[in-house]
């Protein structure tokens, strides 16, 4: 079950998510030419955490994405201002009715 429609007005920003397309022999990712746009709410918060590779990084905030959005740390996220912060982690909060919304934690770009 997705988040209630009454909360939609809180998600006033948007992000575009591009899934990975391929990885070359040097480990460089390329991304799909078309992305999906999701309504978002940004919360700025500076924390020390580990990225998916185990390195210590600075988290600068998190995006709450409206509804059930498919994304993982291999995706590219593009903000309204054109910046592309790295995705550090993705959470899929659940309540008694199931998957509620999506949380994407980002680092410095």
PDB file of N, CA and C in Angstrom:
ATOM      1  N   UNK A   1       0.853  -1.181   0.000  1.00  0.00           N
ATOM      2  CA  UNK A   1       0.000   0.000   0.000  1.00  0.00           C
ATOM      3  C   UNK A   1       0.889   1.231   0.000  1.00  0.00           C
ATOM      4  N   UNK A   2       0.580   2.184  -0.823  1.00  0.00           N
ATOM      5  CA  UNK A   2       1.396   3.390  -0.893  1.00  0.00           C
ATOM      6  C   UNK A   2       0.945   4.406   0.140  1.00  0.00           C
ATOM      7  N   UNK A   3       1.671   5.470   0.197  1.00  0.00           N
ATOM      8  CA  UNK A   3       1.396   6.546   1.142  1.00  0.00           C
ATOM      9  C   UNK A   3       0.058   7.215   0.794  1.00  0.00           C
ATOM     10  N   UNK A   4      -0.633   7.738   1.774  1.00  0.00           N
ATOM     11  CA  UNK A   4      -1.940   8.350   1.553  1.00  0.00           C
ATOM     12  C   UNK A   4      -1.829   9.584   0.670  1.00  0.00           C
ATOM     13  N   UNK A   5      -2.812   9.810  -0.154  1.00  0.00           N
ATOM     14  CA  UNK A   5      -2.802  10.939  -1.085  1.00  0.00           C
ATOM     15  C   UNK A   5      -2.827  12.284  -0.365  1.00  0.00           C
ATOM     16  N   UNK A   6      -3.287  12.321   0.884  1.00  0.00           N
ATOM     17  CA  UNK A   6      -3.302  13.574   1.648  1.00  0.00           C
ATOM     18  C   UNK A   6      -1.897  14.124   1.871  1.00  0.00           C
ATOM     19  N   UNK A   7      -0.883  13.272   1.807  1.00  0.00           N
ATOM     20  CA  UNK A   7       0.489  13.697   2.040  1.00  0.00           C
ATOM     21  C   UNK A   7       1.172  14.209   0.772  1.00  0.00           C
ATOM     22  N   UNK A   8       0.540  14.102  -0.381  1.00  0.00           N
ATOM     23  CA  UNK A   8       1.159  14.466  -1.660  1.00  0.00           C
ATOM     24  C   UNK A   8       1.644  15.912  -1.688  1.00  0.00           C
ATOM     25  N   UNK A   9       0.926  16.807  -1.050  1.00  0.00           N
ATOM     26  CA  UNK A   9       1.310  18.225  -1.072  1.00  0.00           C
ATOM     27  C   UNK A   9       2.634  18.488  -0.354  1.00  0.00           C
ATOM     28  N   UNK A  10       3.066  17.589   0.507  1.00  0.00           N
ATOM     29  CA  UNK A  10       4.354  17.749   1.197  1.00  0.00           C
ATOM     30  C   UNK A  10       5.539  17.450   0.277  1.00  0.00           C
ATOM     31  N   UNK A  11       5.296  16.757  -0.810  1.00  0.00           N
ATOM     32  CA  UNK A  11       6.353  16.350  -1.733  1.00  0.00           C
ATOM     33  C   UNK A  11       6.403  17.357  -2.893  1.00  0.00           C
ATOM     34  N   UNK A  12       6.910  18.553  -2.606  1.00  0.00           N
ATOM     35  CA  UNK A  12       6.856  19.663  -3.561  1.00  0.00           C
ATOM     36  C   UNK A  12       8.045  19.727  -4.507  1.00  0.00           C
ATOM     37  N   UNK A  13       9.074  18.925  -4.278  1.00  0.00           N
ATOM     38  CA  UNK A  13      10.236  18.902  -5.154  1.00  0.00           C
ATOM     39  C   UNK A  13      10.152  17.674  -6.048  1.00  0.00           C
ATOM     40  N   UNK A  14      11.070  17.585  -7.000  1.00  0.00           N
ATOM     41  CA  UNK A  14      11.110  16.385  -7.832  1.00  0.00           C
ATOM     42  C   UNK A  14      12.557  16.000  -8.117  1.00  0.00           C
ATOM     43  N   UNK A  15      12.761  14.733  -8.350  1.00  0.00           N
ATOM     44  CA  UNK A  15      14.068  14.198  -8.736  1.00  0.00           C
ATOM     45  C   UNK A  15      13.849  13.291  -9.940  1.00  0.00           C
ATOM     46  N   UNK A  16      14.892  13.136 -10.743  1.00  0.00           N
ATOM     47  CA  UNK A  16      14.824  12.214 -11.864  1.00  0.00           C
ATOM     48  C   UNK A  16      15.812  11.091 -11.608  1.00  0.00           C
ATOM     49  N   UNK A  17      15.362   9.865 -11.744  1.00  0.00           N
ATOM     50  CA  UNK A  17      16.167   8.680 -11.459  1.00  0.00           C
ATOM     51  C   UNK A  17      16.457   7.941 -12.764  1.00  0.00           C
ATOM     52  N   UNK A  18      17.757   7.660 -12.986  1.00  0.00           N
ATOM     53  CA  UNK A  18      18.190   6.951 -14.184  1.00  0.00           C
ATOM     54  C   UNK A  18      18.769   5.597 -13.781  1.00  0.00           C
ATOM     55  N   UNK A  19      18.199   4.502 -14.276  1.00  0.00           N
ATOM     56  CA  UNK A  19      18.738   3.179 -13.936  1.00  0.00           C
ATOM     57  C   UNK A  19      20.062   2.923 -14.658  1.00  0.00           C
ATOM     58  N   UNK A  20      20.906   2.083 -14.092  1.00  0.00           N
ATOM     59  CA  UNK A  20      22.171   1.759 -14.760  1.00  0.00           C
ATOM     60  C   UNK A  20      21.901   0.956 -16.033  1.00  0.00           C
ATOM     61  N   UNK A  21      22.712   1.208 -17.068  1.00  0.00           N
ATOM     62  CA  UNK A  21      22.563   0.480 -18.328  1.00  0.00           C
ATOM     63  C   UNK A  21      23.657  -0.562 -18.482  1.00  0.00           C
ATOM     64  N   UNK A  22      24.897  -0.178 -18.170  1.00  0.00           N
ATOM     65  CA  UNK A  22      26.013  -1.120 -18.303  1.00  0.00           C
ATOM     66  C   UNK A  22      27.200  -0.625 -17.492  1.00  0.00           C
ATOM     67  N   UNK A  23      28.186  -1.504 -17.352  1.00  0.00           N
ATOM     68  CA  UNK A  23      29.441  -1.180 -16.668  1.00  0.00           C
ATOM     69  C   UNK A  23      30.573  -1.616 -17.594  1.00  0.00           C
ATOM     70  N   UNK A  24      31.546  -0.698 -17.842  1.00  0.00           N
ATOM     71  CA  UNK A  24      32.646  -1.081 -18.728  1.00  0.00           C
ATOM     72  C   UNK A  24      33.705  -1.880 -17.959  1.00  0.00           C
ATOM     73  N   UNK A  25      34.774  -2.283 -18.634  1.00  0.00           N
ATOM     74  CA  UNK A  25      35.802  -3.127 -18.013  1.00  0.00           C
ATOM     75  C   UNK A  25      36.542  -2.405 -16.891  1.00  0.00           C
ATOM     76  N   UNK A  26      36.438  -1.066 -16.841  1.00  0.00           N
ATOM     77  CA  UNK A  26      37.095  -0.290 -15.789  1.00  0.00           C
ATOM     78  C   UNK A  26      36.162   0.032 -14.630  1.00  0.00           C
ATOM     79  N   UNK A  27      34.942  -0.457 -14.702  1.00  0.00           N
ATOM     80  CA  UNK A  27      33.983  -0.244 -13.624  1.00  0.00           C
ATOM     81  C   UNK A  27      33.155   1.021 -13.752  1.00  0.00           C
ATOM     82  N   UNK A  28      33.293   1.747 -14.860  1.00  0.00           N
ATOM     83  CA  UNK A  28      32.518   2.963 -15.049  1.00  0.00           C
ATOM     84  C   UNK A  28      31.113   2.606 -15.530  1.00  0.00           C
ATOM     85  N   UNK A  29      30.112   3.170 -14.850  1.00  0.00           N
ATOM     86  CA  UNK A  29      28.725   2.893 -15.200  1.00  0.00           C
ATOM     87  C   UNK A  29      28.239   3.840 -16.288  1.00  0.00           C
ATOM     88  N   UNK A  30      27.367   3.337 -17.124  1.00  0.00           N
ATOM     89  CA  UNK A  30      26.591   4.193 -18.015  1.00  0.00           C
ATOM     90  C   UNK A  30      25.133   3.998 -17.625  1.00  0.00           C
ATOM     91  N   UNK A  31      24.337   5.011 -17.914  1.00  0.00           N
ATOM     92  CA  UNK A  31      22.957   5.005 -17.447  1.00  0.00           C
ATOM     93  C   UNK A  31      21.986   5.089 -18.612  1.00  0.00           C
ATOM     94  N   UNK A  32      20.782   4.667 -18.370  1.00  0.00           N
ATOM     95  CA  UNK A  32      19.724   4.731 -19.361  1.00  0.00           C
ATOM     96  C   UNK A  32      19.523   6.185 -19.788  1.00  0.00           C
ATOM     97  N   UNK A  33      19.182   6.390 -21.046  1.00  0.00           N
ATOM     98  CA  UNK A  33      18.955   7.746 -21.552  1.00  0.00           C
ATOM     99  C   UNK A  33      17.655   8.339 -21.032  1.00  0.00           C
ATOM    100  N   UNK A  34      16.713   7.493 -20.657  1.00  0.00           N
ATOM    101  CA  UNK A  34      15.444   7.993 -20.129  1.00  0.00           C
ATOM    102  C   UNK A  34      15.329   7.645 -18.652  1.00  0.00           C
ATOM    103  N   UNK A  35      14.894   8.629 -17.885  1.00  0.00           N
ATOM    104  CA  UNK A  35      14.733   8.421 -16.456  1.00  0.00           C
ATOM    105  C   UNK A  35      13.283   8.578 -16.052  1.00  0.00           C
ATOM    106  N   UNK A  36      13.014   8.280 -14.809  1.00  0.00           N
ATOM    107  CA  UNK A  36      11.657   8.466 -14.281  1.00  0.00           C
ATOM    108  C   UNK A  36      11.700   9.566 -13.231  1.00  0.00           C
ATOM    109  N   UNK A  37      10.687  10.406 -13.235  1.00  0.00           N
ATOM    110  CA  UNK A  37      10.606  11.520 -12.303  1.00  0.00           C
ATOM    111  C   UNK A  37       9.750  11.112 -11.111  1.00  0.00           C
ATOM    112  N   UNK A  38      10.210  11.496  -9.918  1.00  0.00           N
ATOM    113  CA  UNK A  38       9.476  11.174  -8.692  1.00  0.00           C
ATOM    114  C   UNK A  38       9.301  12.437  -7.859  1.00  0.00           C
ATOM    115  N   UNK A  39       8.136  12.576  -7.238  1.00  0.00           N
ATOM    116  CA  UNK A  39       7.899  13.668  -6.296  1.00  0.00           C
ATOM    117  C   UNK A  39       8.701  13.400  -5.040  1.00  0.00           C
ATOM    118  N   UNK A  40       9.309  14.463  -4.490  1.00  0.00           N
ATOM    119  CA  UNK A  40      10.228  14.264  -3.368  1.00  0.00           C
ATOM    120  C   UNK A  40      10.093  15.367  -2.325  1.00  0.00           C
ATOM    121  N   UNK A  41      10.571  15.057  -1.152  1.00  0.00           N
ATOM    122  CA  UNK A  41      10.721  16.031  -0.069  1.00  0.00           C
ATOM    123  C   UNK A  41      12.142  15.875   0.454  1.00  0.00           C
ATOM    124  N   UNK A  42      12.916  16.961   0.457  1.00  0.00           N
ATOM    125  CA  UNK A  42      14.320  16.904   0.861  1.00  0.00           C
ATOM    126  C   UNK A  42      14.489  17.363   2.297  1.00  0.00           C
ATOM    127  N   UNK A  43      15.295  16.624   3.053  1.00  0.00           N
ATOM    128  CA  UNK A  43      15.647  16.994   4.415  1.00  0.00           C
ATOM    129  C   UNK A  43      17.164  17.062   4.481  1.00  0.00           C
ATOM    130  N   UNK A  44      17.684  18.265   4.763  1.00  0.00           N
ATOM    131  CA  UNK A  44      19.129  18.460   4.874  1.00  0.00           C
ATOM    132  C   UNK A  44      19.589  18.018   6.254  1.00  0.00           C
ATOM    133  N   UNK A  45      20.624  17.174   6.278  1.00  0.00           N
ATOM    134  CA  UNK A  45      21.103  16.624   7.541  1.00  0.00           C
ATOM    135  C   UNK A  45      22.502  16.075   7.283  1.00  0.00           C
ATOM    136  N   UNK A  46      23.488  16.553   8.013  1.00  0.00           N
ATOM    137  CA  UNK A  46      24.864  16.122   7.796  1.00  0.00           C
ATOM    138  C   UNK A  46      25.235  15.047   8.804  1.00  0.00           C
ATOM    139  N   UNK A  47      25.617  13.876   8.291  1.00  0.00           N
ATOM    140  CA  UNK A  47      25.994  12.728   9.118  1.00  0.00           C
ATOM    141  C   UNK A  47      27.194  12.025   8.509  1.00  0.00           C
ATOM    142  N   UNK A  48      27.967  11.336   9.316  1.00  0.00           N
ATOM    143  CA  UNK A  48      29.012  10.450   8.826  1.00  0.00           C
ATOM    144  C   UNK A  48      28.425   9.062   8.702  1.00  0.00           C
ATOM    145  N   UNK A  49      28.626   8.405   7.553  1.00  0.00           N
ATOM    146  CA  UNK A  49      28.149   7.037   7.366  1.00  0.00           C
ATOM    147  C   UNK A  49      29.048   6.323   6.381  1.00  0.00           C
ATOM    148  N   UNK A  50      28.766   5.062   6.128  1.00  0.00           N
ATOM    149  CA  UNK A  50      29.554   4.290   5.176  1.00  0.00           C
ATOM    150  C   UNK A  50      28.766   4.121   3.886  1.00  0.00           C
ATOM    151  N   UNK A  51      29.484   4.226   2.759  1.00  0.00           N
ATOM    152  CA  UNK A  51      28.835   4.007   1.468  1.00  0.00           C
ATOM    153  C   UNK A  51      28.749   2.504   1.205  1.00  0.00           C
ATOM    154  N   UNK A  52      28.147   2.089   0.087  1.00  0.00           N
ATOM    155  CA  UNK A  52      28.002   0.646  -0.180  1.00  0.00           C
ATOM    156  C   UNK A  52      29.334  -0.106  -0.268  1.00  0.00           C
ATOM    157  N   UNK A  53      30.438   0.615  -0.523  1.00  0.00           N
ATOM    158  CA  UNK A  53      31.752  -0.021  -0.592  1.00  0.00           C
ATOM    159  C   UNK A  53      32.477  -0.046   0.752  1.00  0.00           C
ATOM    160  N   UNK A  54      31.849   0.496   1.802  1.00  0.00           N
ATOM    161  CA  UNK A  54      32.432   0.459   3.132  1.00  0.00           C
ATOM    162  C   UNK A  54      33.307   1.656   3.479  1.00  0.00           C
ATOM    163  N   UNK A  55      33.380   2.650   2.604  1.00  0.00           N
ATOM    164  CA  UNK A  55      34.182   3.851   2.878  1.00  0.00           C
ATOM    165  C   UNK A  55      33.371   4.836   3.703  1.00  0.00           C
ATOM    166  N   UNK A  56      34.051   5.574   4.591  1.00  0.00           N
ATOM    167  CA  UNK A  56      33.389   6.625   5.354  1.00  0.00           C
ATOM    168  C   UNK A  56      33.119   7.814   4.441  1.00  0.00           C
ATOM    169  N   UNK A  57      31.877   8.275   4.424  1.00  0.00           N
ATOM    170  CA  UNK A  57      31.467   9.406   3.594  1.00  0.00           C
ATOM    171  C   UNK A  57      30.550  10.316   4.406  1.00  0.00           C
ATOM    172  N   UNK A  58      30.365  11.524   3.910  1.00  0.00           N
ATOM    173  CA  UNK A  58      29.474  12.480   4.564  1.00  0.00           C
ATOM    174  C   UNK A  58      28.122  12.454   3.866  1.00  0.00           C
ATOM    175  N   UNK A  59      27.091  12.142   4.621  1.00  0.00           N
ATOM    176  CA  UNK A  59      25.722  12.225   4.107  1.00  0.00           C
ATOM    177  C   UNK A  59      25.246  13.646   4.318  1.00  0.00           C
ATOM    178  N   UNK A  60      24.724  14.281   3.266  1.00  0.00           N
ATOM    179  CA  UNK A  60      24.283  15.669   3.383  1.00  0.00           C
ATOM    180  C   UNK A  60      22.770  15.813   3.451  1.00  0.00           C
ATOM    181  N   UNK A  61      22.054  14.723   3.241  1.00  0.00           N
ATOM    182  CA  UNK A  61      20.602  14.799   3.333  1.00  0.00           C
ATOM    183  C   UNK A  61      19.932  13.554   2.815  1.00  0.00           C
ATOM    184  N   UNK A  62      18.611  13.609   2.855  1.00  0.00           N
ATOM    185  CA  UNK A  62      17.843  12.475   2.339  1.00  0.00           C
ATOM    186  C   UNK A  62      16.596  12.983   1.636  1.00  0.00           C
ATOM    187  N   UNK A  63      16.213  12.233   0.621  1.00  0.00           N
ATOM    188  CA  UNK A  63      15.007  12.519  -0.136  1.00  0.00           C
ATOM    189  C   UNK A  63      13.955  11.482   0.229  1.00  0.00           C
ATOM    190  N   UNK A  64      12.792  11.963   0.637  1.00  0.00           N
ATOM    191  CA  UNK A  64      11.639  11.099   0.828  1.00  0.00           C
ATOM    192  C   UNK A  64      10.899  11.118  -0.504  1.00  0.00           C
ATOM    193  N   UNK A  65      10.772   9.979  -1.136  1.00  0.00           N
ATOM    194  CA  UNK A  65      10.087   9.882  -2.422  1.00  0.00           C
ATOM    195  C   UNK A  65       8.671   9.394  -2.210  1.00  0.00           C
ATOM    196  N   UNK A  66       7.738  10.047  -2.865  1.00  0.00           N
ATOM    197  CA  UNK A  66       6.324   9.744  -2.704  1.00  0.00           C
ATOM    198  C   UNK A  66       5.990   8.385  -3.313  1.00  0.00           C
ATOM    199  N   UNK A  67       5.495   7.484  -2.512  1.00  0.00           N
ATOM    200  CA  UNK A  67       5.037   6.182  -2.989  1.00  0.00           C
ATOM    201  C   UNK A  67       6.139   5.157  -3.162  1.00  0.00           C
ATOM    202  N   UNK A  68       5.825   4.138  -3.909  1.00  0.00           N
ATOM    203  CA  UNK A  68       6.731   3.007  -4.123  1.00  0.00           C
ATOM    204  C   UNK A  68       7.575   3.266  -5.358  1.00  0.00           C
ATOM    205  N   UNK A  69       8.800   3.741  -5.138  1.00  0.00           N
ATOM    206  CA  UNK A  69       9.709   4.094  -6.223  1.00  0.00           C
ATOM    207  C   UNK A  69      10.839   3.070  -6.260  1.00  0.00           C
ATOM    208  N   UNK A  70      11.074   2.495  -7.427  1.00  0.00           N
ATOM    209  CA  UNK A  70      12.154   1.531  -7.580  1.00  0.00           C
ATOM    210  C   UNK A  70      13.458   2.281  -7.827  1.00  0.00           C
ATOM    211  N   UNK A  71      14.419   2.120  -6.924  1.00  0.00           N
ATOM    212  CA  UNK A  71      15.723   2.770  -7.018  1.00  0.00           C
ATOM    213  C   UNK A  71      16.688   1.993  -6.132  1.00  0.00           C
ATOM    214  N   UNK A  72      17.970   1.999  -6.485  1.00  0.00           N
ATOM    215  CA  UNK A  72      19.001   1.443  -5.608  1.00  0.00           C
ATOM    216  C   UNK A  72      20.258   2.293  -5.736  1.00  0.00           C
ATOM    217  N   UNK A  73      21.324   1.902  -5.077  1.00  0.00           N
ATOM    218  CA  UNK A  73      22.546   2.710  -5.037  1.00  0.00           C
ATOM    219  C   UNK A  73      23.273   2.761  -6.372  1.00  0.00           C
ATOM    220  N   UNK A  74      22.897   1.934  -7.334  1.00  0.00           N
ATOM    221  CA  UNK A  74      23.510   1.970  -8.659  1.00  0.00           C
ATOM    222  C   UNK A  74      22.857   3.009  -9.568  1.00  0.00           C
ATOM    223  N   UNK A  75      21.748   3.568  -9.183  1.00  0.00           N
ATOM    224  CA  UNK A  75      21.047   4.559  -9.989  1.00  0.00           C
ATOM    225  C   UNK A  75      21.766   5.908  -9.951  1.00  0.00           C
ATOM    226  N   UNK A  76      21.448   6.754 -10.906  1.00  0.00           N
ATOM    227  CA  UNK A  76      21.895   8.157 -10.918  1.00  0.00           C
ATOM    228  C   UNK A  76      20.683   9.001 -10.570  1.00  0.00           C
ATOM    229  N   UNK A  77      20.866   9.933  -9.637  1.00  0.00           N
ATOM    230  CA  UNK A  77      19.789  10.838  -9.254  1.00  0.00           C
ATOM    231  C   UNK A  77      20.158  12.237  -9.718  1.00  0.00           C
ATOM    232  N   UNK A  78      19.228  12.904 -10.386  1.00  0.00           N
ATOM    233  CA  UNK A  78      19.445  14.266 -10.866  1.00  0.00           C
ATOM    234  C   UNK A  78      18.392  15.157 -10.207  1.00  0.00           C
ATOM    235  N   UNK A  79      18.869  16.213  -9.551  1.00  0.00           N
ATOM    236  CA  UNK A  79      17.981  17.126  -8.836  1.00  0.00           C
ATOM    237  C   UNK A  79      17.475  18.219  -9.769  1.00  0.00           C
ATOM    238  N   UNK A  80      16.511  18.999  -9.297  1.00  0.00           N
ATOM    239  CA  UNK A  80      15.930  20.086 -10.093  1.00  0.00           C
ATOM    240  C   UNK A  80      16.984  21.086 -10.563  1.00  0.00           C
ATOM    241  N   UNK A  81      18.026  21.302  -9.756  1.00  0.00           N
ATOM    242  CA  UNK A  81      19.066  22.270 -10.125  1.00  0.00           C
ATOM    243  C   UNK A  81      20.136  21.673 -11.038  1.00  0.00           C
ATOM    244  N   UNK A  82      19.988  20.406 -11.423  1.00  0.00           N
ATOM    245  CA  UNK A  82      20.932  19.751 -12.323  1.00  0.00           C
ATOM    246  C   UNK A  82      22.070  19.018 -11.635  1.00  0.00           C
ATOM    247  N   UNK A  83      22.184  19.152 -10.317  1.00  0.00           N
ATOM    248  CA  UNK A  83      23.265  18.464  -9.593  1.00  0.00           C
ATOM    249  C   UNK A  83      22.963  16.965  -9.485  1.00  0.00           C
ATOM    250  N   UNK A  84      24.028  16.182  -9.296  1.00  0.00           N
ATOM    251  CA  UNK A  84      23.919  14.722  -9.237  1.00  0.00           C
ATOM    252  C   UNK A  84      24.679  14.175  -8.028  1.00  0.00           C
ATOM    253  N   UNK A  85      24.091  14.266  -6.831  1.00  0.00           N
ATOM    254  CA  UNK A  85      24.780  13.733  -5.657  1.00  0.00           C
ATOM    255  C   UNK A  85      24.826  12.208  -5.707  1.00  0.00           C
ATOM    256  N   UNK A  86      25.857  11.608  -5.121  1.00  0.00           N
ATOM    257  CA  UNK A  86      25.904  10.142  -5.089  1.00  0.00           C
ATOM    258  C   UNK A  86      24.855   9.581  -4.126  1.00  0.00           C
ATOM    259  N   UNK A  87      24.246   8.474  -4.518  1.00  0.00           N
ATOM    260  CA  UNK A  87      23.285   7.788  -3.654  1.00  0.00           C
ATOM    261  C   UNK A  87      24.071   6.883  -2.706  1.00  0.00           C
ATOM    262  N   UNK A  88      23.911   7.099  -1.399  1.00  0.00           N
ATOM    263  CA  UNK A  88      24.633   6.317  -0.393  1.00  0.00           C
ATOM    264  C   UNK A  88      23.842   5.095   0.057  1.00  0.00           C
ATOM    265  N   UNK A  89      22.539   5.254   0.207  1.00  0.00           N
ATOM    266  CA  UNK A  89      21.703   4.126   0.608  1.00  0.00           C
ATOM    267  C   UNK A  89      20.249   4.410   0.258  1.00  0.00           C
ATOM    268  N   UNK A  90      19.469   3.350   0.219  1.00  0.00           N
ATOM    269  CA  UNK A  90      18.040   3.449  -0.088  1.00  0.00           C
ATOM    270  C   UNK A  90      17.287   2.603   0.932  1.00  0.00           C
ATOM    271  N   UNK A  91      16.235   3.170   1.492  1.00  0.00           N
ATOM    272  CA  UNK A  91      15.398   2.461   2.460  1.00  0.00           C
ATOM    273  C   UNK A  91      13.963   2.399   1.935  1.00  0.00           C
ATOM    274  N   UNK A  92      13.266   1.320   2.261  1.00  0.00           N
ATOM    275  CA  UNK A  92      11.882   1.118   1.852  1.00  0.00           C
ATOM    276  C   UNK A  92      11.036   0.889   3.099  1.00  0.00           C
ATOM    277  N   UNK A  93      10.642   1.975   3.814  1.00  0.00           N
ATOM    278  CA  UNK A  93       9.873   1.816   5.048  1.00  0.00           C
ATOM    279  C   UNK A  93       8.533   1.119   4.802  1.00  0.00           C
ATOM    280  N   UNK A  94       8.181   0.274   5.761  1.00  0.00           N
ATOM    281  CA  UNK A  94       6.925  -0.472   5.714  1.00  0.00           C
ATOM    282  C   UNK A  94       6.105  -0.142   6.958  1.00  0.00           C
ATOM    283  N   UNK A  95       4.811  -0.220   6.824  1.00  0.00           N
ATOM    284  CA  UNK A  95       3.931  -0.180   7.988  1.00  0.00           C
ATOM    285  C   UNK A  95       3.090  -1.462   7.975  1.00  0.00           C
ATOM    286  N   UNK A  96       2.032  -1.517   8.727  1.00  0.00           N
ATOM    287  CA  UNK A  96       1.234  -2.739   8.800  1.00  0.00           C
ATOM    288  C   UNK A  96       0.584  -3.093   7.469  1.00  0.00           C
ATOM    289  N   UNK A  97       0.520  -2.137   6.533  1.00  0.00           N
ATOM    290  CA  UNK A  97      -0.103  -2.377   5.237  1.00  0.00           C
ATOM    291  C   UNK A  97       0.902  -2.606   4.112  1.00  0.00           C
ATOM    292  N   UNK A  98       2.190  -2.534   4.408  1.00  0.00           N
ATOM    293  CA  UNK A  98       3.190  -2.769   3.371  1.00  0.00           C
ATOM    294  C   UNK A  98       4.098  -1.580   3.129  1.00  0.00           C
ATOM    295  N   UNK A  99       4.748  -1.612   1.961  1.00  0.00           N
ATOM    296  CA  UNK A  99       5.712  -0.584   1.549  1.00  0.00           C
ATOM    297  C   UNK A  99       5.024   0.770   1.509  1.00  0.00           C
ATOM    298  N   UNK A 100       5.586   1.739   2.204  1.00  0.00           N
ATOM    299  CA  UNK A 100       4.934   3.020   2.419  1.00  0.00           C
ATOM    300  C   UNK A 100       5.471   4.126   1.520  1.00  0.00           C
ATOM    301  N   UNK A 101       6.790   4.331   1.523  1.00  0.00           N
ATOM    302  CA  UNK A 101       7.453   5.342   0.708  1.00  0.00           C
ATOM    303  C   UNK A 101       8.915   4.931   0.552  1.00  0.00           C
ATOM    304  N   UNK A 102       9.724   5.732  -0.108  1.00  0.00           N
ATOM    305  CA  UNK A 102      11.123   5.397  -0.361  1.00  0.00           C
ATOM    306  C   UNK A 102      12.005   6.523   0.162  1.00  0.00           C
ATOM    307  N   UNK A 103      13.113   6.178   0.823  1.00  0.00           N
ATOM    308  CA  UNK A 103      14.048   7.163   1.347  1.00  0.00           C
ATOM    309  C   UNK A 103      15.390   6.950   0.666  1.00  0.00           C
ATOM    310  N   UNK A 104      15.902   8.017   0.024  1.00  0.00           N
ATOM    311  CA  UNK A 104      17.194   7.976  -0.655  1.00  0.00           C
ATOM    312  C   UNK A 104      18.142   8.907   0.073  1.00  0.00           C
ATOM    313  N   UNK A 105      19.232   8.347   0.629  1.00  0.00           N
ATOM    314  CA  UNK A 105      20.226   9.152   1.334  1.00  0.00           C
ATOM    315  C   UNK A 105      21.347   9.488   0.358  1.00  0.00           C
ATOM    316  N   UNK A 106      21.734  10.783   0.327  1.00  0.00           N
ATOM    317  CA  UNK A 106      22.720  11.243  -0.649  1.00  0.00           C
ATOM    318  C   UNK A 106      23.926  11.881   0.039  1.00  0.00           C
ATOM    319  N   UNK A 107      25.047  11.853  -0.687  1.00  0.00           N
ATOM    320  CA  UNK A 107      26.283  12.460  -0.209  1.00  0.00           C
ATOM    321  C   UNK A 107      26.579  13.728  -0.984  1.00  0.00           C
ATOM    322  N   UNK A 108      27.782  14.242  -0.759  1.00  0.00           N
ATOM    323  CA  UNK A 108      28.209  15.445  -1.504  1.00  0.00           C
ATOM    324  C   UNK A 108      28.499  15.060  -2.941  1.00  0.00           C
ATOM    325  N   UNK A 109      28.054  15.905  -3.853  1.00  0.00           N
ATOM    326  CA  UNK A 109      28.215  15.622  -5.273  1.00  0.00           C
ATOM    327  C   UNK A 109      29.457  16.091  -5.900  1.00  0.00           C
TER     328      UNK A 109
END
